[in-house]
Amino acid sequence: MAEEEKAVLLTQEAYDKLQSELEYRQGSYREEIIQRIATARAEGDLSENGGYQAAREEQGKNEGRINELTVKLRNAKILKAPAAGTVGNGSLVTVELDGEEVQYVLGSRDIAVATDYDVISPESPIGAAIMGAKSGDEVSYTVPSGAEITVKIKAAEPLQ
C-alpha cells in the first residue's frame, strides 16, 4: 500500500510560483522538448544522435518535475503565519546568534521559491527550539556535536 502523502506547507506566494512553474512545464516547455525530439528524429540514426538522446533525457527530467509539482500542489496547505511576535511556520524571524542578528524564514524548503531569505526547517534543532517562542524570548538547543547554543528572538513577523 502506498505511503500516505505528507502535507506540504506553503505560503500563498510559494504556491503561486510552483503553480506557474507547473503550467510552464506542462505547456510551452513540454512542446519545445517535443519539437527538439522531432527535429533530432528527422536527422536519422537515433543510436548515434546526441541531440535526440539529450532531448529525450530532458523530456524525462521535465516529466519527473511535473509529477513532483503535481503531488506538492495537490498536498499543499497554505500557511496562515502566526501573529507578529510569535514564531511559527511562515514566520520571518530575526534572532541574535553569537552577538549577530540573523534573519530566517521558518518553514519547508518549498517556501524558498518565494523568498530570498535563508529557510530553516521546523524539524531542525534551531527550528524546533524557536517554534512557538515570542519576541524577547531566549531559547537553547543542542547541535549535533552536542554543544548547547542559545539564541534570543529579536523579532517574528509573518512572511509577506
N, C-alpha and C. Protein backbone atom coordinates (compact mmCIF):
# COMPACT_ATOMS: atom_id res chain seq x y z
N MET A 1 0.84 -1.18 0.00
CA MET A 1 0.00 0.00 0.00
C MET A 1 0.89 1.24 0.00
N ALA A 2 0.51 2.26 -0.75
CA ALA A 2 1.31 3.49 -0.84
C ALA A 2 1.30 4.24 0.49
N GLU A 3 2.44 4.84 0.77
CA GLU A 3 2.57 5.62 1.98
C GLU A 3 1.69 6.87 1.86
N GLU A 4 1.06 7.27 2.95
CA GLU A 4 0.22 8.46 2.91
C GLU A 4 1.10 9.68 2.66
N GLU A 5 0.67 10.52 1.73
CA GLU A 5 1.47 11.69 1.36
C GLU A 5 1.34 12.77 2.41
N LYS A 6 2.47 13.38 2.72
CA LYS A 6 2.56 14.39 3.77
C LYS A 6 2.14 15.76 3.22
N ALA A 7 1.48 16.53 4.04
CA ALA A 7 1.07 17.88 3.65
C ALA A 7 2.32 18.73 3.40
N VAL A 8 2.25 19.56 2.37
CA VAL A 8 3.33 20.48 2.03
C VAL A 8 2.85 21.86 2.45
N LEU A 9 3.54 22.46 3.42
CA LEU A 9 3.15 23.77 3.92
C LEU A 9 3.80 24.85 3.08
N LEU A 10 2.97 25.70 2.48
CA LEU A 10 3.45 26.75 1.58
C LEU A 10 2.79 28.07 1.91
N THR A 11 3.52 29.15 1.65
CA THR A 11 2.88 30.46 1.67
C THR A 11 2.08 30.57 0.36
N GLN A 12 1.18 31.52 0.29
CA GLN A 12 0.40 31.70 -0.94
C GLN A 12 1.33 32.04 -2.11
N GLU A 13 2.35 32.87 -1.85
CA GLU A 13 3.29 33.26 -2.91
C GLU A 13 4.06 32.04 -3.42
N ALA A 14 4.52 31.17 -2.53
CA ALA A 14 5.25 29.96 -2.94
C ALA A 14 4.32 29.05 -3.75
N TYR A 15 3.07 28.90 -3.31
CA TYR A 15 2.10 28.08 -4.03
C TYR A 15 1.92 28.62 -5.46
N ASP A 16 1.75 29.93 -5.57
CA ASP A 16 1.54 30.55 -6.88
C ASP A 16 2.74 30.35 -7.80
N LYS A 17 3.96 30.46 -7.26
CA LYS A 17 5.16 30.27 -8.08
C LYS A 17 5.28 28.82 -8.55
N LEU A 18 5.00 27.88 -7.67
CA LEU A 18 5.05 26.48 -8.07
C LEU A 18 3.97 26.17 -9.12
N GLN A 19 2.79 26.76 -8.96
CA GLN A 19 1.71 26.59 -9.93
C GLN A 19 2.12 27.14 -11.30
N SER A 20 2.77 28.30 -11.31
CA SER A 20 3.24 28.89 -12.57
C SER A 20 4.29 28.00 -13.24
N GLU A 21 5.21 27.46 -12.43
CA GLU A 21 6.22 26.56 -12.98
C GLU A 21 5.56 25.33 -13.59
N LEU A 22 4.57 24.77 -12.91
CA LEU A 22 3.87 23.59 -13.44
C LEU A 22 3.20 23.91 -14.78
N GLU A 23 2.54 25.03 -14.86
CA GLU A 23 1.87 25.42 -16.11
C GLU A 23 2.87 25.58 -17.25
N TYR A 24 4.03 26.18 -16.97
CA TYR A 24 5.08 26.34 -17.97
C TYR A 24 5.60 24.98 -18.43
N ARG A 25 5.89 24.10 -17.47
CA ARG A 25 6.45 22.79 -17.80
C ARG A 25 5.44 21.92 -18.56
N GLN A 26 4.16 22.06 -18.26
CA GLN A 26 3.14 21.27 -18.96
C GLN A 26 2.80 21.87 -20.32
N GLY A 27 3.10 23.14 -20.51
CA GLY A 27 2.72 23.83 -21.74
C GLY A 27 3.88 24.04 -22.69
N SER A 28 4.37 25.27 -22.73
CA SER A 28 5.35 25.65 -23.74
C SER A 28 6.67 24.89 -23.63
N TYR A 29 7.13 24.58 -22.43
CA TYR A 29 8.40 23.87 -22.29
C TYR A 29 8.27 22.43 -22.80
N ARG A 30 7.16 21.79 -22.49
CA ARG A 30 6.93 20.43 -22.98
C ARG A 30 6.89 20.42 -24.50
N GLU A 31 6.22 21.40 -25.09
CA GLU A 31 6.13 21.50 -26.56
C GLU A 31 7.50 21.74 -27.18
N GLU A 32 8.31 22.56 -26.53
CA GLU A 32 9.66 22.83 -27.03
C GLU A 32 10.49 21.54 -27.07
N ILE A 33 10.40 20.74 -26.03
CA ILE A 33 11.14 19.48 -25.98
C ILE A 33 10.64 18.52 -27.07
N ILE A 34 9.33 18.46 -27.25
CA ILE A 34 8.76 17.59 -28.28
C ILE A 34 9.27 18.00 -29.67
N GLN A 35 9.37 19.30 -29.90
CA GLN A 35 9.89 19.79 -31.18
C GLN A 35 11.36 19.41 -31.37
N ARG A 36 12.15 19.51 -30.30
CA ARG A 36 13.58 19.13 -30.39
C ARG A 36 13.72 17.64 -30.68
N ILE A 37 12.87 16.83 -30.08
CA ILE A 37 12.90 15.38 -30.34
C ILE A 37 12.54 15.10 -31.80
N ALA A 38 11.50 15.76 -32.28
CA ALA A 38 11.06 15.56 -33.68
C ALA A 38 12.15 15.99 -34.65
N THR A 39 12.80 17.10 -34.39
CA THR A 39 13.87 17.59 -35.26
C THR A 39 15.04 16.61 -35.27
N ALA A 40 15.42 16.14 -34.09
CA ALA A 40 16.54 15.20 -34.00
C ALA A 40 16.18 13.86 -34.64
N ARG A 41 14.94 13.41 -34.49
CA ARG A 41 14.49 12.15 -35.08
C ARG A 41 14.57 12.22 -36.61
N ALA A 42 14.28 13.40 -37.15
CA ALA A 42 14.31 13.58 -38.61
C ALA A 42 15.72 13.48 -39.18
N GLU A 43 16.72 13.63 -38.32
CA GLU A 43 18.12 13.56 -38.77
C GLU A 43 18.56 12.14 -39.06
N GLY A 44 17.80 11.14 -38.66
CA GLY A 44 18.16 9.76 -38.99
C GLY A 44 18.58 8.94 -37.79
N ASP A 45 19.60 8.12 -37.95
CA ASP A 45 20.09 7.12 -36.99
C ASP A 45 20.04 7.62 -35.54
N LEU A 46 19.07 7.13 -34.77
CA LEU A 46 18.87 7.58 -33.40
C LEU A 46 19.92 7.06 -32.44
N SER A 47 20.56 5.93 -32.75
CA SER A 47 21.54 5.35 -31.83
C SER A 47 22.79 6.22 -31.70
N GLU A 48 23.08 7.01 -32.70
CA GLU A 48 24.27 7.87 -32.66
C GLU A 48 23.89 9.34 -32.72
N ASN A 49 22.68 9.66 -32.35
CA ASN A 49 22.19 11.03 -32.44
C ASN A 49 22.19 11.65 -31.04
N GLY A 50 23.22 12.43 -30.74
CA GLY A 50 23.36 13.06 -29.42
C GLY A 50 22.24 14.04 -29.10
N GLY A 51 21.78 14.77 -30.11
CA GLY A 51 20.70 15.72 -29.90
C GLY A 51 19.41 15.02 -29.49
N TYR A 52 19.15 13.89 -30.10
CA TYR A 52 17.97 13.11 -29.77
C TYR A 52 18.06 12.59 -28.34
N GLN A 53 19.22 12.01 -28.01
CA GLN A 53 19.40 11.47 -26.65
C GLN A 53 19.26 12.56 -25.60
N ALA A 54 19.85 13.73 -25.86
CA ALA A 54 19.77 14.85 -24.90
C ALA A 54 18.34 15.33 -24.74
N ALA A 55 17.62 15.43 -25.83
CA ALA A 55 16.22 15.89 -25.76
C ALA A 55 15.35 14.87 -25.01
N ARG A 56 15.59 13.58 -25.24
CA ARG A 56 14.82 12.56 -24.51
C ARG A 56 15.13 12.60 -23.01
N GLU A 57 16.40 12.83 -22.68
CA GLU A 57 16.77 12.95 -21.26
C GLU A 57 16.09 14.17 -20.63
N GLU A 58 16.09 15.28 -21.34
CA GLU A 58 15.44 16.49 -20.84
C GLU A 58 13.94 16.26 -20.69
N GLN A 59 13.35 15.51 -21.61
CA GLN A 59 11.93 15.19 -21.51
C GLN A 59 11.65 14.40 -20.23
N GLY A 60 12.50 13.44 -19.92
CA GLY A 60 12.33 12.64 -18.70
C GLY A 60 12.43 13.50 -17.45
N LYS A 61 13.40 14.40 -17.43
CA LYS A 61 13.56 15.30 -16.28
C LYS A 61 12.34 16.21 -16.13
N ASN A 62 11.85 16.72 -17.25
CA ASN A 62 10.69 17.61 -17.21
C ASN A 62 9.46 16.87 -16.68
N GLU A 63 9.23 15.66 -17.18
CA GLU A 63 8.07 14.88 -16.73
C GLU A 63 8.18 14.53 -15.25
N GLY A 64 9.40 14.26 -14.79
CA GLY A 64 9.62 14.00 -13.37
C GLY A 64 9.29 15.21 -12.51
N ARG A 65 9.72 16.40 -12.97
CA ARG A 65 9.43 17.63 -12.23
C ARG A 65 7.93 17.93 -12.26
N ILE A 66 7.26 17.66 -13.38
CA ILE A 66 5.81 17.84 -13.45
C ILE A 66 5.13 16.96 -12.41
N ASN A 67 5.55 15.71 -12.31
CA ASN A 67 4.96 14.80 -11.32
C ASN A 67 5.21 15.31 -9.90
N GLU A 68 6.44 15.77 -9.63
CA GLU A 68 6.78 16.29 -8.30
C GLU A 68 5.92 17.50 -7.95
N LEU A 69 5.79 18.44 -8.89
CA LEU A 69 4.99 19.64 -8.65
C LEU A 69 3.52 19.29 -8.46
N THR A 70 3.01 18.35 -9.25
CA THR A 70 1.61 17.95 -9.14
C THR A 70 1.31 17.41 -7.75
N VAL A 71 2.19 16.57 -7.22
CA VAL A 71 1.99 16.00 -5.89
C VAL A 71 2.08 17.10 -4.83
N LYS A 72 3.09 17.96 -4.94
CA LYS A 72 3.24 19.04 -3.95
C LYS A 72 2.01 19.94 -3.93
N LEU A 73 1.55 20.33 -5.07
CA LEU A 73 0.40 21.24 -5.13
C LEU A 73 -0.88 20.55 -4.68
N ARG A 74 -1.02 19.27 -4.99
CA ARG A 74 -2.20 18.52 -4.54
C ARG A 74 -2.23 18.42 -3.02
N ASN A 75 -1.06 18.31 -2.39
CA ASN A 75 -0.97 18.15 -0.94
C ASN A 75 -0.68 19.46 -0.21
N ALA A 76 -0.71 20.56 -0.93
CA ALA A 76 -0.35 21.85 -0.33
C ALA A 76 -1.40 22.33 0.67
N LYS A 77 -0.91 22.87 1.74
CA LYS A 77 -1.72 23.57 2.73
C LYS A 77 -1.12 24.98 2.82
N ILE A 78 -1.96 25.97 2.60
CA ILE A 78 -1.50 27.36 2.65
C ILE A 78 -1.33 27.76 4.11
N LEU A 79 -0.14 28.23 4.41
CA LEU A 79 0.17 28.64 5.78
C LEU A 79 -0.56 29.92 6.16
N LYS A 80 -1.06 29.93 7.33
CA LYS A 80 -1.53 31.16 7.93
C LYS A 80 -0.51 31.46 9.01
N ALA A 81 0.41 32.35 8.69
CA ALA A 81 1.51 32.65 9.60
C ALA A 81 0.96 33.20 10.91
N PRO A 82 1.63 32.87 12.01
CA PRO A 82 1.18 33.37 13.31
C PRO A 82 1.28 34.89 13.38
N ALA A 83 0.61 35.45 14.36
CA ALA A 83 0.63 36.90 14.55
C ALA A 83 2.05 37.39 14.79
N ALA A 84 2.27 38.65 14.51
CA ALA A 84 3.56 39.28 14.76
C ALA A 84 3.96 39.04 16.22
N GLY A 85 5.23 38.71 16.40
CA GLY A 85 5.75 38.49 17.74
C GLY A 85 5.81 37.04 18.16
N THR A 86 5.16 36.14 17.40
CA THR A 86 5.18 34.71 17.72
C THR A 86 5.81 33.96 16.55
N VAL A 87 6.74 33.05 16.84
CA VAL A 87 7.42 32.27 15.81
C VAL A 87 6.60 31.05 15.45
N GLY A 88 6.39 30.85 14.15
CA GLY A 88 5.68 29.67 13.65
C GLY A 88 6.01 29.46 12.19
N ASN A 89 5.44 28.42 11.59
CA ASN A 89 5.65 28.18 10.17
C ASN A 89 5.26 29.42 9.38
N GLY A 90 6.14 29.85 8.49
CA GLY A 90 5.87 31.02 7.67
C GLY A 90 6.28 32.33 8.32
N SER A 91 6.99 32.27 9.44
CA SER A 91 7.45 33.49 10.11
C SER A 91 8.82 33.90 9.59
N LEU A 92 9.01 35.21 9.44
CA LEU A 92 10.33 35.79 9.22
C LEU A 92 10.86 36.13 10.60
N VAL A 93 11.91 35.43 11.01
CA VAL A 93 12.42 35.51 12.37
C VAL A 93 13.78 36.17 12.38
N THR A 94 13.95 37.15 13.27
CA THR A 94 15.26 37.75 13.50
C THR A 94 15.75 37.25 14.85
N VAL A 95 16.92 36.60 14.83
CA VAL A 95 17.49 36.08 16.07
C VAL A 95 18.87 36.69 16.28
N GLU A 96 19.25 36.75 17.55
CA GLU A 96 20.61 37.14 17.88
C GLU A 96 21.37 35.86 18.18
N LEU A 97 22.40 35.61 17.39
CA LEU A 97 23.18 34.39 17.49
C LEU A 97 24.65 34.77 17.52
N ASP A 98 25.33 34.46 18.61
CA ASP A 98 26.75 34.82 18.78
C ASP A 98 26.98 36.31 18.57
N GLY A 99 26.08 37.13 19.08
CA GLY A 99 26.25 38.58 19.00
C GLY A 99 25.84 39.20 17.68
N GLU A 100 25.40 38.41 16.72
CA GLU A 100 24.99 38.92 15.42
C GLU A 100 23.51 38.67 15.20
N GLU A 101 22.86 39.61 14.51
CA GLU A 101 21.46 39.42 14.14
C GLU A 101 21.39 38.71 12.80
N VAL A 102 20.57 37.66 12.76
CA VAL A 102 20.40 36.86 11.55
C VAL A 102 18.91 36.70 11.31
N GLN A 103 18.50 36.74 10.03
CA GLN A 103 17.08 36.54 9.70
C GLN A 103 16.90 35.23 8.95
N TYR A 104 15.85 34.52 9.31
CA TYR A 104 15.48 33.27 8.68
C TYR A 104 13.98 33.26 8.45
N VAL A 105 13.56 32.44 7.50
CA VAL A 105 12.15 32.10 7.38
C VAL A 105 12.03 30.69 7.93
N LEU A 106 11.07 30.47 8.80
CA LEU A 106 10.83 29.15 9.36
C LEU A 106 9.80 28.45 8.49
N GLY A 107 10.18 27.33 7.89
CA GLY A 107 9.25 26.59 7.05
C GLY A 107 9.97 25.57 6.19
N SER A 108 9.24 24.94 5.28
CA SER A 108 9.82 23.92 4.42
C SER A 108 10.65 24.55 3.31
N ARG A 109 11.51 23.75 2.71
CA ARG A 109 12.36 24.27 1.63
C ARG A 109 11.53 24.71 0.43
N ASP A 110 10.29 24.24 0.34
CA ASP A 110 9.43 24.65 -0.76
C ASP A 110 9.06 26.13 -0.66
N ILE A 111 9.11 26.69 0.53
CA ILE A 111 8.84 28.11 0.70
C ILE A 111 9.95 28.95 0.07
N ALA A 112 11.15 28.37 -0.04
CA ALA A 112 12.31 29.10 -0.54
C ALA A 112 12.09 29.67 -1.93
N VAL A 113 11.18 29.10 -2.73
CA VAL A 113 10.95 29.62 -4.08
C VAL A 113 10.35 31.01 -4.04
N ALA A 114 9.80 31.41 -2.90
CA ALA A 114 9.10 32.69 -2.81
C ALA A 114 9.83 33.72 -1.95
N THR A 115 11.07 33.43 -1.56
CA THR A 115 11.77 34.36 -0.70
C THR A 115 13.27 34.33 -0.96
N ASP A 116 13.93 35.43 -0.66
CA ASP A 116 15.38 35.49 -0.77
C ASP A 116 16.05 35.19 0.55
N TYR A 117 15.27 35.00 1.61
CA TYR A 117 15.83 34.70 2.93
C TYR A 117 16.23 33.23 3.02
N ASP A 118 17.18 32.95 3.91
CA ASP A 118 17.51 31.56 4.21
C ASP A 118 16.31 30.94 4.91
N VAL A 119 16.02 29.70 4.60
CA VAL A 119 14.88 28.99 5.18
C VAL A 119 15.42 27.91 6.11
N ILE A 120 14.86 27.84 7.31
CA ILE A 120 15.22 26.76 8.22
C ILE A 120 13.98 25.91 8.48
N SER A 121 14.21 24.64 8.61
CA SER A 121 13.13 23.69 8.83
C SER A 121 12.66 23.71 10.28
N PRO A 122 11.35 23.59 10.50
CA PRO A 122 10.84 23.48 11.87
C PRO A 122 11.34 22.21 12.57
N GLU A 123 11.79 21.21 11.80
CA GLU A 123 12.31 19.98 12.39
C GLU A 123 13.79 20.06 12.75
N SER A 124 14.49 21.11 12.28
CA SER A 124 15.91 21.26 12.60
C SER A 124 16.04 21.62 14.08
N PRO A 125 17.23 21.45 14.66
CA PRO A 125 17.40 21.79 16.07
C PRO A 125 17.00 23.24 16.39
N ILE A 126 17.47 24.19 15.60
CA ILE A 126 17.12 25.59 15.87
C ILE A 126 15.65 25.84 15.58
N GLY A 127 15.12 25.26 14.51
CA GLY A 127 13.72 25.44 14.16
C GLY A 127 12.79 24.93 15.25
N ALA A 128 13.08 23.74 15.76
CA ALA A 128 12.26 23.17 16.84
C ALA A 128 12.34 24.02 18.10
N ALA A 129 13.53 24.57 18.37
CA ALA A 129 13.73 25.37 19.59
C ALA A 129 12.96 26.69 19.54
N ILE A 130 12.93 27.33 18.36
CA ILE A 130 12.30 28.66 18.29
C ILE A 130 10.80 28.59 17.99
N MET A 131 10.32 27.43 17.53
CA MET A 131 8.89 27.29 17.21
C MET A 131 8.05 27.63 18.44
N GLY A 132 7.15 28.58 18.29
CA GLY A 132 6.25 28.96 19.38
C GLY A 132 6.83 30.01 20.32
N ALA A 133 8.12 30.34 20.16
CA ALA A 133 8.73 31.36 21.01
C ALA A 133 8.20 32.74 20.63
N LYS A 134 8.37 33.68 21.51
CA LYS A 134 7.89 35.05 21.29
C LYS A 134 9.08 36.01 21.26
N SER A 135 8.87 37.17 20.66
CA SER A 135 9.91 38.19 20.63
C SER A 135 10.39 38.46 22.05
N GLY A 136 11.70 38.50 22.22
CA GLY A 136 12.29 38.73 23.54
C GLY A 136 12.69 37.45 24.26
N ASP A 137 12.15 36.30 23.84
CA ASP A 137 12.49 35.02 24.48
C ASP A 137 13.93 34.62 24.13
N GLU A 138 14.56 33.92 25.06
CA GLU A 138 15.83 33.27 24.79
C GLU A 138 15.57 31.77 24.83
N VAL A 139 16.04 31.07 23.81
CA VAL A 139 15.85 29.62 23.75
C VAL A 139 17.19 28.96 23.48
N SER A 140 17.32 27.74 23.94
CA SER A 140 18.55 26.97 23.73
C SER A 140 18.22 25.71 22.95
N TYR A 141 19.22 25.25 22.23
CA TYR A 141 19.08 23.99 21.50
C TYR A 141 20.45 23.32 21.44
N THR A 142 20.43 22.04 21.19
CA THR A 142 21.67 21.27 21.11
C THR A 142 21.95 20.94 19.66
N VAL A 143 23.16 21.25 19.21
CA VAL A 143 23.57 20.94 17.85
C VAL A 143 24.08 19.50 17.81
N PRO A 144 24.19 18.92 16.61
CA PRO A 144 24.63 17.52 16.51
C PRO A 144 25.96 17.22 17.22
N SER A 145 26.84 18.20 17.33
CA SER A 145 28.12 17.95 18.01
C SER A 145 27.95 17.86 19.52
N GLY A 146 26.76 18.22 20.02
CA GLY A 146 26.50 18.17 21.45
C GLY A 146 26.58 19.52 22.14
N ALA A 147 27.03 20.54 21.43
CA ALA A 147 27.14 21.88 22.02
C ALA A 147 25.76 22.48 22.22
N GLU A 148 25.62 23.26 23.28
CA GLU A 148 24.36 23.95 23.60
C GLU A 148 24.47 25.38 23.07
N ILE A 149 23.52 25.80 22.25
CA ILE A 149 23.51 27.13 21.66
C ILE A 149 22.29 27.88 22.18
N THR A 150 22.48 29.15 22.54
CA THR A 150 21.37 29.98 22.98
C THR A 150 21.17 31.11 21.97
N VAL A 151 19.93 31.33 21.60
CA VAL A 151 19.59 32.43 20.70
C VAL A 151 18.50 33.27 21.35
N LYS A 152 18.51 34.55 21.02
CA LYS A 152 17.47 35.46 21.50
C LYS A 152 16.60 35.82 20.31
N ILE A 153 15.29 35.70 20.49
CA ILE A 153 14.34 36.07 19.44
C ILE A 153 14.19 37.59 19.49
N LYS A 154 14.65 38.26 18.44
CA LYS A 154 14.56 39.72 18.38
C LYS A 154 13.23 40.16 17.78
N ALA A 155 12.77 39.42 16.77
CA ALA A 155 11.50 39.78 16.10
C ALA A 155 10.96 38.57 15.37
N ALA A 156 9.68 38.52 15.21
CA ALA A 156 9.00 37.48 14.43
C ALA A 156 7.81 38.14 13.74
N GLU A 157 7.83 38.10 12.41
CA GLU A 157 6.78 38.72 11.61
C GLU A 157 6.27 37.69 10.59
N PRO A 158 5.01 37.79 10.23
CA PRO A 158 4.52 36.92 9.14
C PRO A 158 5.28 37.23 7.86
N LEU A 159 5.67 36.21 7.10
CA LEU A 159 6.36 36.40 5.82
C LEU A 159 5.39 37.04 4.84
N GLN A 160 5.82 38.10 4.24
CA GLN A 160 4.96 38.81 3.26
C GLN A 160 5.26 38.36 1.87
